[in-house]
Amino acid sequence: MSEDLSIYAQNCPSRPVVGVIASHWGMLVLGALFEGTLRFSEVRRVVAGISEKMLAQTLQALERNGFVDRKVHPVIPPHVEYTLTPMGLEVSRQARELLDWINGNMVDIMDAQRAYDASR
């Protein structure tokens, strides 16, 4: 593998992809879409707290990188659905595993945070 294509290389083109997938909202949107096709408002309902603007940006970035397929149905008002692509499903599985691990270990994580904060 060329040094320029190593994920650890400063100019590797994978860095922005990591930024999309590993971002706060990217992980949560991927996790939400793991359940199946959702409309914009459904994704927003599942991923509580995300603004419309941030959700639109996140979905666009996931679509640009080949993880999400956006389908517009020609009706009034427009009906737009988001579905994971095969590559998106694969990365979403990984995201869900990490999210599930975090969720299952929150008590220990919060204990570590309290211990750290108390030592400062």
C-alpha atoms as a PDB file:
ATOM      1  CA  MET A   1       0.000   0.000   0.000  1.00  0.00           C
ATOM      2  CA  SER A   2       1.310   3.424  -0.920  1.00  0.00           C
ATOM      3  CA  GLU A   3       2.125   5.679   2.017  1.00  0.00           C
ATOM      4  CA  ASP A   4      -0.331   8.268   0.644  1.00  0.00           C
ATOM      5  CA  LEU A   5      -3.132   5.696   0.946  1.00  0.00           C
ATOM      6  CA  SER A   6      -2.317   4.768   4.528  1.00  0.00           C
ATOM      7  CA  ILE A   7      -5.101   5.963   6.810  1.00  0.00           C
ATOM      8  CA  TYR A   8      -2.406   7.306   9.123  1.00  0.00           C
ATOM      9  CA  ALA A   9      -0.822   9.477   6.401  1.00  0.00           C
ATOM     10  CA  GLN A  10      -1.695  13.149   6.704  1.00  0.00           C
ATOM     11  CA  ASN A  11      -2.928  13.517   3.126  1.00  0.00           C
ATOM     12  CA  CYS A  12      -4.694  10.186   2.763  1.00  0.00           C
ATOM     13  CA  PRO A  13      -8.046  10.603   0.978  1.00  0.00           C
ATOM     14  CA  SER A  14      -9.613   8.315   3.586  1.00  0.00           C
ATOM     15  CA  ARG A  15      -9.370  10.992   6.296  1.00  0.00           C
ATOM     16  CA  PRO A  16     -12.567  12.844   5.277  1.00  0.00           C
ATOM     17  CA  VAL A  17     -14.399   9.502   5.023  1.00  0.00           C
ATOM     18  CA  VAL A  18     -13.331   8.681   8.582  1.00  0.00           C
ATOM     19  CA  GLY A  19     -14.619  12.104   9.577  1.00  0.00           C
ATOM     20  CA  VAL A  20     -18.058  11.377   8.115  1.00  0.00           C
ATOM     21  CA  ILE A  21     -18.415   7.859   9.506  1.00  0.00           C
ATOM     22  CA  ALA A  22     -16.900   8.508  12.933  1.00  0.00           C
ATOM     23  CA  SER A  23     -18.627  11.840  13.512  1.00  0.00           C
ATOM     24  CA  HIS A  24     -21.202  12.128  16.255  1.00  0.00           C
ATOM     25  CA  TRP A  25     -24.091  12.438  13.820  1.00  0.00           C
ATOM     26  CA  GLY A  26     -22.683  10.123  11.153  1.00  0.00           C
ATOM     27  CA  MET A  27     -22.522   7.196  13.562  1.00  0.00           C
ATOM     28  CA  LEU A  28     -26.043   7.830  14.853  1.00  0.00           C
ATOM     29  CA  VAL A  29     -27.558   8.212  11.366  1.00  0.00           C
ATOM     30  CA  LEU A  30     -25.820   5.039  10.180  1.00  0.00           C
ATOM     31  CA  GLY A  31     -27.127   3.272  13.269  1.00  0.00           C
ATOM     32  CA  ALA A  32     -30.659   4.503  12.623  1.00  0.00           C
ATOM     33  CA  LEU A  33     -30.630   3.451   8.968  1.00  0.00           C
ATOM     34  CA  PHE A  34     -29.407  -0.020   9.951  1.00  0.00           C
ATOM     35  CA  GLU A  35     -33.045  -0.733  10.850  1.00  0.00           C
ATOM     36  CA  GLY A  36     -34.148  -0.094   7.243  1.00  0.00           C
ATOM     37  CA  THR A  37     -35.354   2.582   4.847  1.00  0.00           C
ATOM     38  CA  LEU A  38     -36.455   5.791   6.540  1.00  0.00           C
ATOM     39  CA  ARG A  39     -37.837   9.148   5.443  1.00  0.00           C
ATOM     40  CA  PHE A  40     -36.019  12.330   6.489  1.00  0.00           C
ATOM     41  CA  SER A  41     -38.478  13.058   9.310  1.00  0.00           C
ATOM     42  CA  GLU A  42     -38.191   9.475  10.568  1.00  0.00           C
ATOM     43  CA  VAL A  43     -34.407   9.675  10.723  1.00  0.00           C
ATOM     44  CA  ARG A  44     -34.736  12.966  12.590  1.00  0.00           C
ATOM     45  CA  ARG A  45     -37.157  11.395  15.064  1.00  0.00           C
ATOM     46  CA  VAL A  46     -34.844   8.412  15.696  1.00  0.00           C
ATOM     47  CA  VAL A  47     -31.729  10.584  16.038  1.00  0.00           C
ATOM     48  CA  ALA A  48     -33.139  12.913  18.688  1.00  0.00           C
ATOM     49  CA  GLY A  49     -31.508  16.322  18.921  1.00  0.00           C
ATOM     50  CA  ILE A  50     -30.151  16.577  15.377  1.00  0.00           C
ATOM     51  CA  SER A  51     -31.122  19.752  13.537  1.00  0.00           C
ATOM     52  CA  GLU A  52     -32.632  19.625  10.056  1.00  0.00           C
ATOM     53  CA  LYS A  53     -29.544  21.323   8.645  1.00  0.00           C
ATOM     54  CA  MET A  54     -27.121  18.887  10.302  1.00  0.00           C
ATOM     55  CA  LEU A  55     -29.201  15.879   9.264  1.00  0.00           C
ATOM     56  CA  ALA A  56     -29.312  17.110   5.663  1.00  0.00           C
ATOM     57  CA  GLN A  57     -25.530  17.653   5.664  1.00  0.00           C
ATOM     58  CA  THR A  58     -24.869  14.261   7.244  1.00  0.00           C
ATOM     59  CA  LEU A  59     -27.138  12.399   4.820  1.00  0.00           C
ATOM     60  CA  GLN A  60     -25.559  14.234   1.891  1.00  0.00           C
ATOM     61  CA  ALA A  61     -22.037  13.311   3.066  1.00  0.00           C
ATOM     62  CA  LEU A  62     -23.059   9.673   3.579  1.00  0.00           C
ATOM     63  CA  GLU A  63     -24.639   9.641   0.113  1.00  0.00           C
ATOM     64  CA  ARG A  64     -21.565  11.239  -1.478  1.00  0.00           C
ATOM     65  CA  ASN A  65     -19.341   8.544   0.009  1.00  0.00           C
ATOM     66  CA  GLY A  66     -21.546   5.728  -1.261  1.00  0.00           C
ATOM     67  CA  PHE A  67     -23.092   4.682   2.065  1.00  0.00           C
ATOM     68  CA  VAL A  68     -26.646   5.958   1.559  1.00  0.00           C
ATOM     69  CA  ASP A  69     -29.006   5.866  -1.392  1.00  0.00           C
ATOM     70  CA  ARG A  70     -31.494   8.734  -1.643  1.00  0.00           C
ATOM     71  CA  LYS A  71     -34.723   8.051  -3.520  1.00  0.00           C
ATOM     72  CA  VAL A  72     -37.115  10.882  -4.380  1.00  0.00           C
ATOM     73  CA  HIS A  73     -40.701   9.896  -5.141  1.00  0.00           C
ATOM     74  CA  PRO A  74     -42.384  12.390  -7.532  1.00  0.00           C
ATOM     75  CA  VAL A  75     -45.372  13.314  -5.377  1.00  0.00           C
ATOM     76  CA  ILE A  76     -46.524  16.520  -3.711  1.00  0.00           C
ATOM     77  CA  PRO A  77     -45.082  17.119  -1.182  1.00  0.00           C
ATOM     78  CA  PRO A  78     -41.877  15.324  -2.192  1.00  0.00           C
ATOM     79  CA  HIS A  79     -41.386  11.958  -0.521  1.00  0.00           C
ATOM     80  CA  VAL A  80     -37.687  11.197   0.016  1.00  0.00           C
ATOM     81  CA  GLU A  81     -36.399   7.924   1.413  1.00  0.00           C
ATOM     82  CA  TYR A  82     -32.920   7.009   2.605  1.00  0.00           C
ATOM     83  CA  THR A  83     -31.579   3.459   2.447  1.00  0.00           C
ATOM     84  CA  LEU A  84     -28.162   2.029   3.165  1.00  0.00           C
ATOM     85  CA  THR A  85     -26.221   0.796   0.144  1.00  0.00           C
ATOM     86  CA  PRO A  86     -24.446  -2.569   0.454  1.00  0.00           C
ATOM     87  CA  MET A  87     -21.290  -0.695   1.495  1.00  0.00           C
ATOM     88  CA  GLY A  88     -23.364   1.429   3.878  1.00  0.00           C
ATOM     89  CA  LEU A  89     -24.893  -1.674   5.433  1.00  0.00           C
ATOM     90  CA  GLU A  90     -21.421  -3.066   6.057  1.00  0.00           C
ATOM     91  CA  VAL A  91     -20.146   0.105   7.738  1.00  0.00           C
ATOM     92  CA  SER A  92     -23.449   0.509   9.579  1.00  0.00           C
ATOM     93  CA  ARG A  93     -22.992  -2.931  11.158  1.00  0.00           C
ATOM     94  CA  GLN A  94     -19.656  -1.754  12.501  1.00  0.00           C
ATOM     95  CA  ALA A  95     -21.173   1.503  13.748  1.00  0.00           C
ATOM     96  CA  ARG A  96     -24.021  -0.344  15.474  1.00  0.00           C
ATOM     97  CA  GLU A  97     -21.569  -2.698  17.186  1.00  0.00           C
ATOM     98  CA  LEU A  98     -19.649   0.267  18.551  1.00  0.00           C
ATOM     99  CA  LEU A  99     -22.823   2.121  19.577  1.00  0.00           C
ATOM    100  CA  ASP A 100     -24.173  -1.017  21.279  1.00  0.00           C
ATOM    101  CA  TRP A 101     -20.842  -1.529  23.059  1.00  0.00           C
ATOM    102  CA  ILE A 102     -20.858   2.082  24.299  1.00  0.00           C
ATOM    103  CA  ASN A 103     -24.468   1.763  25.439  1.00  0.00           C
ATOM    104  CA  GLY A 104     -23.734  -1.504  27.268  1.00  0.00           C
ATOM    105  CA  ASN A 105     -20.694  -0.071  29.018  1.00  0.00           C
ATOM    106  CA  MET A 106     -22.023   3.359  30.002  1.00  0.00           C
ATOM    107  CA  VAL A 107     -21.986   2.607  33.736  1.00  0.00           C
ATOM    108  CA  ASP A 108     -18.252   1.803  33.605  1.00  0.00           C
ATOM    109  CA  ILE A 109     -17.576   4.768  31.321  1.00  0.00           C
ATOM    110  CA  MET A 110     -19.433   7.141  33.650  1.00  0.00           C
ATOM    111  CA  ASP A 111     -17.532   5.702  36.651  1.00  0.00           C
ATOM    112  CA  ALA A 112     -14.247   6.339  34.802  1.00  0.00           C
ATOM    113  CA  GLN A 113     -15.350   9.901  33.991  1.00  0.00           C
ATOM    114  CA  ARG A 114     -16.248  10.598  37.637  1.00  0.00           C
ATOM    115  CA  ALA A 115     -12.928   9.150  38.844  1.00  0.00           C
ATOM    116  CA  TYR A 116     -11.018  11.222  36.314  1.00  0.00           C
ATOM    117  CA  ASP A 117     -12.917  14.408  37.176  1.00  0.00           C
ATOM    118  CA  ALA A 118     -12.435  13.819  40.922  1.00  0.00           C
ATOM    119  CA  SER A 119      -8.672  13.443  40.451  1.00  0.00           C
ATOM    120  CA  ARG A 120      -8.388  16.856  38.785  1.00  0.00           C
END
